[in-house]
N, C-alpha and C. Protein backbone atom coordinates (compact mmCIF):
# COMPACT_ATOMS: atom_id res chain seq x y z
N MET A 1 -9.07 -0.54 -5.89
CA MET A 1 -8.60 -0.84 -4.61
C MET A 1 -9.54 -1.81 -3.96
N LYS A 2 -9.03 -2.77 -3.21
CA LYS A 2 -9.90 -3.79 -2.51
C LYS A 2 -9.27 -4.12 -1.14
N ALA A 3 -10.09 -4.13 -0.16
CA ALA A 3 -9.64 -4.56 1.21
C ALA A 3 -10.27 -5.77 1.59
N ARG A 4 -9.57 -6.59 2.43
CA ARG A 4 -10.12 -7.76 2.93
C ARG A 4 -9.61 -8.00 4.30
N CYS A 5 -10.43 -8.61 5.14
CA CYS A 5 -10.06 -8.99 6.52
C CYS A 5 -9.40 -10.32 6.51
N PRO A 6 -8.10 -10.40 6.98
CA PRO A 6 -7.44 -11.75 6.89
C PRO A 6 -8.00 -12.72 7.97
N ARG A 7 -8.74 -12.18 8.99
CA ARG A 7 -9.31 -13.08 9.99
C ARG A 7 -10.56 -13.73 9.53
N ASN A 8 -11.41 -12.90 8.77
CA ASN A 8 -12.73 -13.43 8.39
C ASN A 8 -13.12 -12.71 7.04
N THR A 9 -13.08 -13.42 5.95
CA THR A 9 -13.36 -12.81 4.63
C THR A 9 -14.87 -12.31 4.50
N SER A 10 -15.70 -12.76 5.43
CA SER A 10 -17.12 -12.29 5.39
C SER A 10 -17.28 -10.87 5.95
N HIS A 11 -16.20 -10.36 6.66
CA HIS A 11 -16.19 -8.98 7.18
C HIS A 11 -15.97 -8.05 6.10
N GLN A 12 -16.93 -7.09 5.79
CA GLN A 12 -16.96 -6.32 4.59
C GLN A 12 -16.89 -4.81 4.91
N GLN A 13 -16.63 -4.39 6.13
CA GLN A 13 -16.57 -2.95 6.49
C GLN A 13 -15.20 -2.72 7.10
N PHE A 14 -14.68 -1.51 6.87
CA PHE A 14 -13.31 -1.24 7.30
C PHE A 14 -13.26 0.26 7.86
N ILE A 15 -12.33 0.46 8.74
CA ILE A 15 -12.14 1.81 9.23
C ILE A 15 -10.84 2.32 8.52
N ALA A 16 -10.97 3.49 7.88
CA ALA A 16 -9.82 4.03 7.16
C ALA A 16 -9.85 5.55 7.34
N ILE A 17 -8.75 6.20 7.03
CA ILE A 17 -8.62 7.64 7.23
C ILE A 17 -8.89 8.38 5.90
N ALA A 18 -9.65 9.43 6.07
CA ALA A 18 -9.89 10.36 4.95
C ALA A 18 -9.62 11.80 5.43
N ASN A 19 -9.15 12.69 4.58
CA ASN A 19 -8.99 14.11 4.88
C ASN A 19 -10.09 14.91 4.33
N VAL A 20 -10.72 15.74 5.16
CA VAL A 20 -11.85 16.52 4.79
C VAL A 20 -11.65 17.99 5.24
N THR A 21 -12.42 18.87 4.57
CA THR A 21 -12.54 20.24 5.10
C THR A 21 -13.89 20.35 5.78
N GLN A 22 -13.93 21.12 6.85
CA GLN A 22 -15.13 21.34 7.64
C GLN A 22 -15.42 22.73 7.93
N LYS A 23 -16.65 23.11 8.06
CA LYS A 23 -17.07 24.40 8.56
C LYS A 23 -17.32 24.22 10.07
N TRP A 24 -16.67 25.11 10.86
CA TRP A 24 -16.75 25.02 12.32
C TRP A 24 -17.35 26.28 12.96
N VAL A 25 -17.81 26.14 14.21
CA VAL A 25 -18.04 27.27 15.05
C VAL A 25 -16.82 27.32 15.99
N VAL A 26 -16.21 28.52 16.14
CA VAL A 26 -15.11 28.62 17.00
C VAL A 26 -15.37 29.71 18.01
N ASP A 27 -14.58 29.82 19.11
CA ASP A 27 -14.69 30.84 20.06
C ASP A 27 -13.86 32.03 19.63
N GLU A 28 -13.79 33.08 20.54
CA GLU A 28 -13.08 34.25 20.12
C GLU A 28 -11.54 34.02 19.94
N ASP A 29 -11.04 32.95 20.52
CA ASP A 29 -9.66 32.59 20.23
C ASP A 29 -9.38 31.64 19.14
N GLY A 30 -10.47 31.32 18.41
CA GLY A 30 -10.34 30.44 17.30
C GLY A 30 -10.29 28.96 17.59
N LYS A 31 -10.60 28.62 18.87
CA LYS A 31 -10.74 27.27 19.31
C LYS A 31 -12.01 26.58 18.95
N PHE A 32 -11.88 25.38 18.46
CA PHE A 32 -12.98 24.57 18.02
C PHE A 32 -14.11 24.50 19.07
N GLN A 33 -15.35 24.70 18.67
CA GLN A 33 -16.50 24.52 19.54
C GLN A 33 -17.45 23.35 18.98
N LYS A 34 -17.78 23.45 17.72
CA LYS A 34 -18.53 22.31 17.05
C LYS A 34 -18.44 22.41 15.61
N GLU A 35 -18.65 21.24 14.94
CA GLU A 35 -18.63 21.14 13.51
C GLU A 35 -20.05 21.58 12.97
N ILE A 36 -20.09 22.34 12.00
CA ILE A 36 -21.31 22.62 11.30
C ILE A 36 -21.63 21.56 10.20
N LYS A 37 -20.63 21.44 9.30
CA LYS A 37 -20.81 20.35 8.32
C LYS A 37 -19.49 20.10 7.65
N ILE A 38 -19.34 18.93 6.93
CA ILE A 38 -18.19 18.63 6.16
C ILE A 38 -18.45 19.27 4.76
N LEU A 39 -17.43 20.03 4.30
CA LEU A 39 -17.60 20.76 2.99
C LEU A 39 -17.19 19.89 1.84
N GLU A 40 -16.08 19.19 1.94
CA GLU A 40 -15.51 18.34 0.82
C GLU A 40 -14.54 17.39 1.36
N VAL A 41 -14.42 16.28 0.60
CA VAL A 41 -13.39 15.30 0.83
C VAL A 41 -12.12 15.79 0.14
N VAL A 42 -11.05 16.05 0.81
CA VAL A 42 -9.82 16.47 0.09
C VAL A 42 -9.05 15.30 -0.38
N HIS A 43 -9.03 14.17 0.40
CA HIS A 43 -8.27 12.98 -0.01
C HIS A 43 -8.96 11.83 0.64
N GLY A 44 -9.47 10.93 -0.05
CA GLY A 44 -10.10 9.70 0.47
C GLY A 44 -9.09 8.69 0.88
N PRO A 45 -9.55 7.55 1.49
CA PRO A 45 -8.65 6.54 1.91
C PRO A 45 -7.83 6.00 0.72
N ASP A 46 -6.55 5.59 0.95
CA ASP A 46 -5.74 4.99 -0.03
C ASP A 46 -4.90 3.81 0.53
N THR A 47 -4.26 3.14 -0.36
CA THR A 47 -3.54 1.95 0.00
C THR A 47 -2.33 2.18 0.99
N HIS A 48 -1.90 3.40 1.15
CA HIS A 48 -0.83 3.75 2.03
C HIS A 48 -1.20 3.93 3.48
N ASN A 49 -2.57 4.12 3.71
CA ASN A 49 -3.07 4.28 5.08
C ASN A 49 -3.30 2.87 5.65
N VAL A 50 -3.34 2.81 6.98
CA VAL A 50 -3.77 1.63 7.75
C VAL A 50 -5.28 1.47 7.70
N TRP A 51 -5.73 0.36 7.27
CA TRP A 51 -7.11 0.01 7.32
C TRP A 51 -7.36 -1.05 8.29
N ASN A 52 -8.41 -0.94 9.13
CA ASN A 52 -8.71 -1.99 10.13
C ASN A 52 -10.12 -2.52 9.93
N CYS A 53 -10.33 -3.75 10.10
CA CYS A 53 -11.71 -4.35 10.01
C CYS A 53 -12.55 -3.65 11.05
N ALA A 54 -13.71 -3.22 10.61
CA ALA A 54 -14.66 -2.49 11.52
C ALA A 54 -15.36 -3.48 12.50
N ILE A 55 -15.22 -4.78 12.18
CA ILE A 55 -15.91 -5.78 13.04
C ILE A 55 -14.95 -6.32 14.08
N CYS A 56 -13.76 -6.78 13.67
CA CYS A 56 -12.83 -7.44 14.61
C CYS A 56 -11.55 -6.64 14.84
N ASP A 57 -11.42 -5.49 14.24
CA ASP A 57 -10.23 -4.56 14.37
C ASP A 57 -8.91 -5.12 13.92
N THR A 58 -8.94 -6.17 13.09
CA THR A 58 -7.72 -6.79 12.54
C THR A 58 -7.22 -5.87 11.42
N LYS A 59 -5.94 -5.70 11.32
CA LYS A 59 -5.36 -4.88 10.26
C LYS A 59 -5.71 -5.57 8.93
N ALA A 60 -6.27 -4.77 7.98
CA ALA A 60 -6.80 -5.29 6.72
C ALA A 60 -5.64 -5.41 5.79
N ILE A 61 -5.86 -6.23 4.76
CA ILE A 61 -4.95 -6.31 3.56
C ILE A 61 -5.57 -5.54 2.48
N VAL A 62 -4.94 -4.51 2.00
CA VAL A 62 -5.41 -3.61 0.95
C VAL A 62 -4.59 -3.80 -0.25
N SER A 63 -5.25 -3.95 -1.38
CA SER A 63 -4.48 -4.08 -2.70
C SER A 63 -5.03 -3.24 -3.73
N VAL A 64 -4.34 -2.92 -4.79
CA VAL A 64 -4.70 -2.04 -5.78
C VAL A 64 -5.59 -2.81 -6.77
């Protein structure tokens, strides 16, 4: 997989979605209070997600 910024090819960092499991502190109703740590990555970024350039926020072009 390869991502590139169509606005500026020197931009090499991107914002993408990953699904993770976390250990939390919750209150008596089960409502989130704070994260203790990330336990594992369930599914990392893929070509079906929207990727944006972390520098200029342009939608990236992602190829396999």
